[in-house]
């Protein structure tokens, strides 16, 4: 069997064995949820509720502000206790709605099945996805209705579903493919109809051959849909790398997947689209892998948006010992958290907890000019040059070295023998460059 892949990259230890064979468990109903009004790329939502309001399960509580935004809904029924700034998974604080559950999960009257994709037209499908607040559930959390609405001059002819799940530890998508392939295919077909696309590929790494088998069987009778087996390598699930692996097309510098006629979405996003069309329920819960040496009993949990990290860890019987680092997402691209009171969001694919020994970062030493970061960079950048210019606040030079093309996979920091925090420096450069561009626009 020929395995598809991209150029360069790395192969960190997979460390999926603690959860890859564990079925998804439904988490215990929360007593309280803290739902951020911005848990997606784009503009934050404006609250539609006030303190003291009674809300229902699935009720819209946050109104999008702009096209690139996503509605926010209540994941419980109960009473709004506060609307305040709360710790955010992305760092800092974000305006959030705190809801005390009444335990009844009374569904909002607006939640009704949307019909069947055969009877829905493309515009109706996109509006259903938009109203449900569906975003990319692989971690990026980009509003899905935006991806499915390319401008007229961009002719899209292929959808790729990302089932690679290349991050170490994470197995949420793996279990979803094994346990609910029908919804993945249904949601994919809805996306195909919404965009008029006739062909689709589901990309899965070859460390999940059981999922390859299940998904291959699920598409046997589906016209235009096939499964591609990918080499297990990091970052195989990154958009541009996945597109190259499946099609050998290269997204141009500064470009988007639609520039080569492709839309990429996550398998979990497809499954949520199916759930919303069939039941009317918006995106209020997701599968999250809870793992790491510091977790007593790692699990794949179906958790509600707004539940705290501490609560999901308690459902895994707590910490084995004092945690050294808590990461939202995977260890390569995820973000370290300063408190376990942070709420899980639509993009929370994993919670990984390292012990103090694992969390210890070696002191960096001088660059030895080995060029290993250049040799493995999947975006064909010179990470050390970008990082050096960033460290000296020479952002124009960093931009000349194509800092904005960095996909923030962390491969350079991982491979660096001098343990230089290359990714952190590159992130600083990207944010500075983008901030300056926004200022220039006015």
Protein backbone atom coordinates (compact mmCIF):
# COMPACT_ATOMS: atom_id res chain seq x y z
CA UNK A 1 0.00 0.00 0.00
CA UNK A 2 1.41 3.37 -1.01
CA UNK A 3 1.37 5.84 1.86
CA UNK A 4 0.76 9.49 1.06
CA UNK A 5 2.76 12.22 2.76
CA UNK A 6 4.24 15.69 2.56
CA UNK A 7 7.85 16.84 2.40
CA UNK A 8 10.04 17.04 5.54
CA UNK A 9 8.42 16.99 9.02
CA UNK A 10 9.24 14.91 12.10
CA UNK A 11 8.01 11.82 13.94
CA UNK A 12 7.69 12.46 17.67
CA UNK A 13 6.64 9.58 19.98
CA UNK A 14 2.93 8.94 19.41
CA UNK A 15 1.95 8.07 23.02
CA UNK A 16 -1.64 7.25 22.07
CA UNK A 17 -1.74 3.81 23.69
CA UNK A 18 -3.41 4.98 26.91
CA UNK A 19 -6.65 6.00 25.16
CA UNK A 20 -6.71 4.71 21.57
CA UNK A 21 -8.64 1.56 22.57
CA UNK A 22 -10.98 3.30 25.02
CA UNK A 23 -14.54 3.99 23.85
CA UNK A 24 -15.91 7.49 24.27
CA UNK A 25 -17.63 7.98 27.62
CA UNK A 26 -20.31 10.58 28.23
CA UNK A 27 -19.06 12.95 30.91
CA UNK A 28 -21.04 13.58 34.08
CA UNK A 29 -23.50 16.46 33.72
CA UNK A 30 -21.89 19.68 34.97
CA UNK A 31 -23.37 21.74 37.78
CA UNK A 32 -21.99 24.93 36.34
CA UNK A 33 -20.52 25.96 32.97
CA UNK A 34 -18.49 28.99 31.95
CA UNK A 35 -19.06 29.58 28.25
CA UNK A 36 -16.64 31.99 26.53
CA UNK A 37 -18.21 34.37 24.01
CA UNK A 38 -15.11 33.98 21.85
CA UNK A 39 -13.98 30.40 21.32
CA UNK A 40 -13.35 30.70 17.60
CA UNK A 41 -11.15 32.56 15.13
CA UNK A 42 -12.74 35.91 14.36
CA UNK A 43 -14.86 38.48 16.17
CA UNK A 44 -16.22 37.81 19.66
CA UNK A 45 -19.96 37.46 20.22
CA UNK A 46 -22.22 39.93 22.01
CA UNK A 47 -24.17 38.38 24.91
CA UNK A 48 -27.89 37.85 24.28
CA UNK A 49 -28.66 37.12 27.93
CA UNK A 50 -28.29 38.94 31.24
CA UNK A 51 -27.69 37.86 34.83
CA UNK A 52 -30.77 36.14 36.24
CA UNK A 53 -32.11 34.92 32.89
CA UNK A 54 -33.35 31.34 32.60
CA UNK A 55 -31.81 29.60 29.59
CA UNK A 56 -32.53 26.30 27.84
CA UNK A 57 -30.21 23.68 26.39
CA UNK A 58 -29.09 24.77 22.92
CA UNK A 59 -30.35 28.34 23.29
CA UNK A 60 -28.26 30.98 21.52
CA UNK A 61 -26.56 33.14 24.15
CA UNK A 62 -23.96 34.90 21.98
CA UNK A 63 -24.63 36.77 18.73
CA UNK A 64 -21.82 36.80 16.13
CA UNK A 65 -20.35 40.18 15.25
CA UNK A 66 -19.32 39.99 11.62
CA UNK A 67 -19.03 37.32 8.93
CA UNK A 68 -15.95 35.66 10.46
CA UNK A 69 -17.48 34.76 13.79
CA UNK A 70 -19.58 31.96 15.26
CA UNK A 71 -22.70 31.89 17.42
CA UNK A 72 -22.43 30.58 20.98
CA UNK A 73 -25.08 28.45 22.66
CA UNK A 74 -25.85 27.20 26.16
CA UNK A 75 -24.70 23.65 26.87
CA UNK A 76 -27.11 23.28 29.83
CA UNK A 77 -30.48 24.55 30.99
CA UNK A 78 -30.40 26.75 34.06
CA UNK A 79 -29.80 30.28 35.35
CA UNK A 80 -27.27 32.86 34.20
CA UNK A 81 -25.22 33.68 37.28
CA UNK A 82 -22.65 36.04 35.80
CA UNK A 83 -21.36 37.64 32.61
CA UNK A 84 -17.76 38.45 33.31
CA UNK A 85 -14.15 38.18 32.16
CA UNK A 86 -12.87 34.65 32.85
CA UNK A 87 -9.60 32.78 32.16
CA UNK A 88 -9.36 31.83 28.49
CA UNK A 89 -7.73 28.79 26.89
CA UNK A 90 -5.87 31.13 24.51
CA UNK A 91 -4.39 33.09 27.43
CA UNK A 92 -5.62 36.15 29.29
CA UNK A 93 -9.33 36.52 29.89
CA UNK A 94 -12.45 36.55 27.73
CA UNK A 95 -16.01 37.69 28.38
CA UNK A 96 -17.95 34.58 29.39
CA UNK A 97 -21.46 33.56 30.42
CA UNK A 98 -21.59 31.58 33.67
CA UNK A 99 -24.65 29.32 33.90
CA UNK A 100 -25.76 27.22 36.88
CA UNK A 101 -27.40 24.06 35.59
CA UNK A 102 -30.81 22.99 36.87
CA UNK A 103 -29.98 19.40 35.90
CA UNK A 104 -33.01 19.10 33.64
CA UNK A 105 -31.37 19.71 30.23
CA UNK A 106 -34.63 21.23 29.02
CA UNK A 107 -34.20 21.77 25.29
CA UNK A 108 -34.87 25.18 23.77
CA UNK A 109 -38.03 25.14 21.59
CA UNK A 110 -36.01 26.36 18.59
CA UNK A 111 -34.10 23.07 18.48
CA UNK A 112 -35.82 21.07 15.74
CA UNK A 113 -34.57 18.62 13.06
CA UNK A 114 -33.64 20.44 9.85
CA UNK A 115 -34.80 17.80 7.38
CA UNK A 116 -32.61 15.70 5.11
CA UNK A 117 -29.71 16.89 2.95
CA UNK A 118 -31.57 15.64 -0.13
CA UNK A 119 -34.30 18.21 0.56
CA UNK A 120 -32.03 21.08 1.66
CA UNK A 121 -30.49 23.47 -0.83
CA UNK A 122 -26.85 24.67 -0.51
CA UNK A 123 -27.76 28.01 1.05
CA UNK A 124 -29.98 26.32 3.64
CA UNK A 125 -27.17 23.95 4.64
CA UNK A 126 -24.69 26.81 5.08
CA UNK A 127 -27.21 28.81 7.15
CA UNK A 128 -27.85 25.77 9.37
CA UNK A 129 -24.11 25.42 9.97
CA UNK A 130 -23.77 29.16 10.66
CA UNK A 131 -26.72 29.30 13.08
CA UNK A 132 -25.37 26.27 14.96
CA UNK A 133 -22.02 27.97 15.62
CA UNK A 134 -20.07 25.14 14.03
CA UNK A 135 -16.31 25.70 13.79
CA UNK A 136 -13.29 23.61 12.93
CA UNK A 137 -13.08 21.06 15.74
CA UNK A 138 -9.53 19.94 15.12
CA UNK A 139 -8.33 22.84 17.26
CA UNK A 140 -8.18 25.85 14.93
CA UNK A 141 -11.89 26.71 15.46
CA UNK A 142 -12.31 28.61 12.18
CA UNK A 143 -16.02 29.24 11.46
CA UNK A 144 -17.15 26.46 9.11
CA UNK A 145 -19.73 28.50 7.20
CA UNK A 146 -16.92 30.83 6.09
CA UNK A 147 -14.86 27.94 4.72
CA UNK A 148 -17.89 26.69 2.82
CA UNK A 149 -18.50 30.11 1.26
CA UNK A 150 -15.53 30.71 -1.06
CA UNK A 151 -15.67 33.86 -3.24
CA UNK A 152 -16.99 33.38 -6.80
CA UNK A 153 -13.50 33.57 -8.31
CA UNK A 154 -12.28 30.59 -6.24
CA UNK A 155 -13.38 27.37 -7.91
CA UNK A 156 -13.33 24.58 -5.33
CA UNK A 157 -13.47 21.02 -6.65
CA UNK A 158 -12.32 18.92 -3.67
CA UNK A 159 -13.07 18.60 0.04
CA UNK A 160 -10.52 16.88 2.27
CA UNK A 161 -11.60 15.60 5.67
CA UNK A 162 -8.76 15.56 8.18
CA UNK A 163 -8.69 12.27 10.11
CA UNK A 164 -4.91 12.33 10.52
CA UNK A 165 -4.89 13.34 14.20
CA UNK A 166 -1.09 13.57 14.06
CA UNK A 167 -0.63 15.17 17.49
CA UNK A 168 0.81 12.83 20.16
CA UNK A 169 -1.63 11.57 22.84
CA UNK A 170 -4.84 12.69 21.06
CA UNK A 171 -7.30 9.95 20.05
CA UNK A 172 -10.65 11.79 19.98
CA UNK A 173 -10.96 11.74 16.18
CA UNK A 174 -9.72 8.15 16.04
CA UNK A 175 -12.50 6.99 18.36
CA UNK A 176 -15.07 9.11 16.48
CA UNK A 177 -14.17 7.39 13.20
CA UNK A 178 -14.49 3.96 14.82
CA UNK A 179 -17.71 4.67 16.67
CA UNK A 180 -19.64 7.05 14.42
CA UNK A 181 -18.54 6.78 10.80
CA UNK A 182 -22.09 7.29 9.48
CA UNK A 183 -22.36 10.85 10.80
CA UNK A 184 -18.93 11.73 9.42
CA UNK A 185 -20.03 10.65 5.94
CA UNK A 186 -23.42 12.35 6.27
CA UNK A 187 -21.80 15.62 7.32
CA UNK A 188 -19.27 15.35 4.50
CA UNK A 189 -22.06 14.87 1.96
CA UNK A 190 -23.79 17.95 3.39
CA UNK A 191 -20.60 19.98 2.87
CA UNK A 192 -20.27 18.62 -0.66
CA UNK A 193 -23.82 19.67 -1.50
CA UNK A 194 -23.35 23.08 0.11
CA UNK A 195 -20.33 23.79 -2.11
CA UNK A 196 -21.29 21.88 -5.25
CA UNK A 197 -18.16 19.73 -4.90
CA UNK A 198 -18.33 16.22 -6.39
CA UNK A 199 -15.16 14.71 -4.91
CA UNK A 200 -13.87 14.23 -1.38
CA UNK A 201 -10.97 12.50 0.35
CA UNK A 202 -10.79 11.37 3.98
CA UNK A 203 -7.14 11.33 5.05
CA UNK A 204 -6.16 8.95 7.89
CA UNK A 205 -2.67 8.10 9.16
CA UNK A 206 -1.53 4.48 9.00
CA UNK A 207 -1.26 4.20 12.78
CA UNK A 208 -5.09 4.00 12.72
CA UNK A 209 -5.64 1.13 10.30
CA UNK A 210 -8.76 0.07 12.19
CA UNK A 211 -10.24 3.49 11.42
CA UNK A 212 -9.07 3.20 7.79
CA UNK A 213 -10.99 -0.08 7.53
CA UNK A 214 -14.15 1.30 9.12
CA UNK A 215 -14.19 4.48 7.05
CA UNK A 216 -13.36 2.59 3.85
CA UNK A 217 -16.39 0.35 4.44
CA UNK A 218 -18.53 3.42 5.15
CA UNK A 219 -17.73 5.01 1.77
CA UNK A 220 -18.06 1.88 -0.38
CA UNK A 221 -21.41 2.95 -1.82
CA UNK A 222 -20.71 6.69 -1.82
CA UNK A 223 -19.94 8.27 -5.16
CA UNK A 224 -16.92 10.56 -5.28
CA UNK A 225 -15.68 9.85 -1.73
CA UNK A 226 -12.52 7.88 -1.01
CA UNK A 227 -10.15 7.18 1.88
CA UNK A 228 -6.46 8.06 1.60
CA UNK A 229 -3.94 6.31 3.87
CA UNK A 230 -1.28 8.73 5.09
CA UNK A 231 2.18 8.07 6.45
CA UNK A 232 2.31 8.60 10.20
CA UNK A 233 4.30 11.80 10.44
CA UNK A 234 3.95 15.21 12.06
CA UNK A 235 2.34 17.63 11.10
CA UNK A 236 0.42 15.45 8.63
CA UNK A 237 -2.88 17.05 9.68
CA UNK A 238 -1.85 20.64 8.93
CA UNK A 239 -3.96 22.00 6.06
CA UNK A 240 -1.23 22.71 3.53
CA UNK A 241 0.65 19.50 4.31
CA UNK A 242 -2.53 17.42 4.11
CA UNK A 243 -3.43 18.97 0.76
CA UNK A 244 0.01 18.16 -0.64
CA UNK A 245 -0.12 14.60 0.69
CA UNK A 246 -3.51 13.94 -0.90
CA UNK A 247 -3.21 15.91 -4.15
CA UNK A 248 0.45 16.97 -4.62
CA UNK A 249 -0.82 20.55 -4.96
CA UNK A 250 1.14 23.25 -3.12
CA UNK A 251 -0.74 26.15 -1.55
CA UNK A 252 1.18 29.31 -2.49
CA UNK A 253 2.94 31.48 0.08
CA UNK A 254 0.33 33.66 1.75
CA UNK A 255 -2.41 31.66 0.07
CA UNK A 256 -5.36 29.59 1.27
CA UNK A 257 -6.49 26.04 0.42
CA UNK A 258 -9.20 27.47 -1.84
CA UNK A 259 -6.41 28.93 -4.01
CA UNK A 260 -5.73 25.36 -5.18
CA UNK A 261 -9.41 24.41 -5.28
CA UNK A 262 -9.57 22.64 -1.92
CA UNK A 263 -11.54 22.99 1.33
CA UNK A 264 -10.20 21.17 4.40
CA UNK A 265 -12.33 20.29 7.41
CA UNK A 266 -12.02 17.97 10.39
CA UNK A 267 -13.89 14.67 10.75
CA UNK A 268 -15.42 15.91 14.01
CA UNK A 269 -16.73 19.00 12.24
CA UNK A 270 -18.45 16.79 9.66
CA UNK A 271 -20.03 14.66 12.41
CA UNK A 272 -21.33 17.79 14.15
CA UNK A 273 -22.91 19.03 10.91
CA UNK A 274 -24.74 15.71 10.65
CA UNK A 275 -25.89 15.94 14.27
CA UNK A 276 -27.18 19.48 13.76
CA UNK A 277 -29.10 18.64 10.57
CA UNK A 278 -30.64 15.52 12.09
CA UNK A 279 -31.55 16.95 15.51
CA UNK A 280 -31.22 20.72 15.28
CA UNK A 281 -28.78 20.77 18.20
CA UNK A 282 -25.98 23.35 17.82
CA UNK A 283 -22.36 22.75 18.77
CA UNK A 284 -22.54 22.41 22.57
CA UNK A 285 -20.35 19.36 23.24
CA UNK A 286 -17.39 17.48 21.80
CA UNK A 287 -15.07 14.52 22.34
CA UNK A 288 -11.93 15.42 24.30
CA UNK A 289 -8.96 13.17 25.07
CA UNK A 290 -7.75 13.52 28.67
CA UNK A 291 -4.31 11.92 29.00
CA UNK A 292 -0.69 12.26 30.11
CA UNK A 293 1.47 10.70 32.83
CA UNK A 294 -0.15 12.82 35.50
CA UNK A 295 -3.71 11.53 34.84
CA UNK A 296 -4.78 8.52 36.90
CA UNK A 297 -7.21 7.08 34.36
CA UNK A 298 -6.94 8.63 30.88
CA UNK A 299 -10.19 8.74 28.91
CA UNK A 300 -11.95 9.96 25.80
CA UNK A 301 -14.86 11.98 27.16
CA UNK A 302 -17.89 13.54 25.48
CA UNK A 303 -17.85 16.84 27.37
CA UNK A 304 -20.00 19.94 27.28
CA UNK A 305 -18.58 23.27 26.21
CA UNK A 306 -17.90 25.40 29.28
CA UNK A 307 -16.83 22.63 31.66
CA UNK A 308 -13.57 23.36 33.48
CA UNK A 309 -10.35 21.41 32.96
CA UNK A 310 -10.44 20.48 36.65
CA UNK A 311 -13.87 18.90 36.28
CA UNK A 312 -12.87 16.64 33.38
CA UNK A 313 -9.68 15.63 35.20
CA UNK A 314 -11.74 14.77 38.28
CA UNK A 315 -13.76 12.44 36.05
CA UNK A 316 -10.50 10.69 35.22
CA UNK A 317 -9.95 10.17 38.99
CA UNK A 318 -7.76 13.22 39.28
CA UNK A 319 -4.02 13.78 39.23
CA UNK A 320 -1.52 11.06 40.09
CA UNK A 321 0.77 13.72 41.50
CA UNK A 322 1.30 17.46 41.37
CA UNK A 323 0.97 18.51 37.72
CA UNK A 324 3.94 20.13 36.05
CA UNK A 325 2.13 21.43 32.97
CA UNK A 326 -1.47 21.40 31.71
CA UNK A 327 -1.90 21.70 27.95
CA UNK A 328 -5.13 22.42 26.11
CA UNK A 329 -4.86 20.52 22.83
CA UNK A 330 -1.88 18.38 21.89
CA UNK A 331 1.68 18.76 23.20
CA UNK A 332 3.03 20.13 19.92
CA UNK A 333 0.53 22.87 19.02
CA UNK A 334 -1.52 23.09 22.20
CA UNK A 335 -1.31 25.92 24.70
CA UNK A 336 -0.09 25.59 28.29
CA UNK A 337 -2.65 26.70 30.87
CA UNK A 338 -1.91 28.59 34.07
CA UNK A 339 -4.97 27.24 35.87
CA UNK A 340 -7.24 24.20 35.63
CA UNK A 341 -10.25 26.49 36.02
CA UNK A 342 -10.07 27.32 32.29
CA UNK A 343 -13.18 26.20 30.42
CA UNK A 344 -13.17 23.73 27.54
CA UNK A 345 -14.26 25.21 24.23
CA UNK A 346 -15.46 23.99 20.84
CA UNK A 347 -11.84 23.46 19.80
CA UNK A 348 -10.68 21.53 22.88
CA UNK A 349 -9.56 18.25 21.31
CA UNK A 350 -7.44 17.29 24.29
CA UNK A 351 -6.27 18.03 27.81
CA UNK A 352 -2.76 16.70 28.38
CA UNK A 353 -1.11 16.84 31.81
CA UNK A 354 2.63 16.35 32.28
CA UNK A 355 4.32 15.61 35.59
CA UNK A 356 6.95 18.00 36.87
CA UNK A 357 9.83 16.05 35.33
CA UNK A 358 8.25 16.03 31.85
CA UNK A 359 7.37 19.69 32.14
CA UNK A 360 10.93 20.79 32.88
CA UNK A 361 12.35 22.67 29.92
CA UNK A 362 16.12 22.47 29.48
CA UNK A 363 17.92 25.80 29.50
CA UNK A 364 18.63 26.92 25.95
CA UNK A 365 22.18 27.24 24.70
CA UNK A 366 23.67 29.05 21.73
CA UNK A 367 22.64 28.05 18.23
CA UNK A 368 25.24 25.66 16.80
CA UNK A 369 24.22 26.34 13.19
CA UNK A 370 23.31 22.71 12.57
CA UNK A 371 20.39 23.74 10.30
CA UNK A 372 18.19 20.88 11.56
CA UNK A 373 15.25 23.27 11.96
CA UNK A 374 15.57 24.17 8.28
CA UNK A 375 15.93 20.54 7.21
CA UNK A 376 12.63 19.48 8.81
CA UNK A 377 10.42 22.59 8.47
CA UNK A 378 7.27 21.47 6.59
CA UNK A 379 6.66 25.06 5.45
CA UNK A 380 10.21 25.32 3.96
CA UNK A 381 11.19 28.22 6.22
CA UNK A 382 14.37 29.19 8.04
CA UNK A 383 13.05 29.13 11.61
CA UNK A 384 16.30 30.16 13.28
CA UNK A 385 16.62 33.28 11.11
CA UNK A 386 13.02 34.32 11.81
CA UNK A 387 13.52 33.70 15.54
CA UNK A 388 16.79 35.67 15.66
CA UNK A 389 15.23 38.67 13.94
CA UNK A 390 12.25 38.46 16.25
CA UNK A 391 14.51 38.39 19.32
CA UNK A 392 16.21 41.59 18.11
CA UNK A 393 12.86 43.24 17.28
CA UNK A 394 13.74 43.28 13.58
CA UNK A 395 10.25 42.39 12.44
CA UNK A 396 10.65 43.62 8.86
CA UNK A 397 13.49 41.14 8.41
CA UNK A 398 11.42 38.42 10.05
CA UNK A 399 8.66 39.10 7.53
CA UNK A 400 11.18 38.88 4.66
CA UNK A 401 11.99 35.38 5.92
CA UNK A 402 8.23 34.59 5.53
CA UNK A 403 7.35 34.50 9.20
CA UNK A 404 3.66 34.67 8.31
CA UNK A 405 3.94 31.34 6.46
CA UNK A 406 4.81 29.56 9.72
CA UNK A 407 2.07 27.05 10.60
CA UNK A 408 3.20 27.02 14.26
CA UNK A 409 3.61 23.25 14.33
CA UNK A 410 6.56 23.44 16.75
CA UNK A 411 8.72 20.98 14.82
CA UNK A 412 11.67 23.38 14.91
CA UNK A 413 11.62 23.74 18.69
CA UNK A 414 11.21 19.98 19.07
CA UNK A 415 14.21 19.12 16.88
CA UNK A 416 16.58 21.88 18.08
CA UNK A 417 19.60 20.38 19.92
CA UNK A 418 20.23 23.75 21.60
CA UNK A 419 16.62 23.75 22.93
CA UNK A 420 15.98 27.23 21.58
CA UNK A 421 12.36 28.42 21.93
CA UNK A 422 12.12 28.98 18.20
CA UNK A 423 8.35 28.69 17.91
CA UNK A 424 7.75 31.20 20.71
CA UNK A 425 9.99 33.76 19.00
CA UNK A 426 8.29 33.17 15.65
CA UNK A 427 4.86 33.61 17.22
CA UNK A 428 5.97 36.95 18.65
CA UNK A 429 7.10 38.01 15.18
CA UNK A 430 3.84 36.92 13.54
CA UNK A 431 1.71 38.79 16.03
CA UNK A 432 3.83 41.93 15.73
CA UNK A 433 3.73 41.85 11.92
CA UNK A 434 -0.03 41.28 11.83
CA UNK A 435 -0.65 44.03 14.40
CA UNK A 436 1.33 46.49 12.27
CA UNK A 437 -0.65 45.50 9.16
CA UNK A 438 -3.93 46.12 11.03
CA UNK A 439 -2.69 49.56 12.09
CA UNK A 440 -1.75 50.44 8.54
CA UNK A 441 -5.24 49.49 7.35
CA UNK A 442 -6.61 52.03 9.74
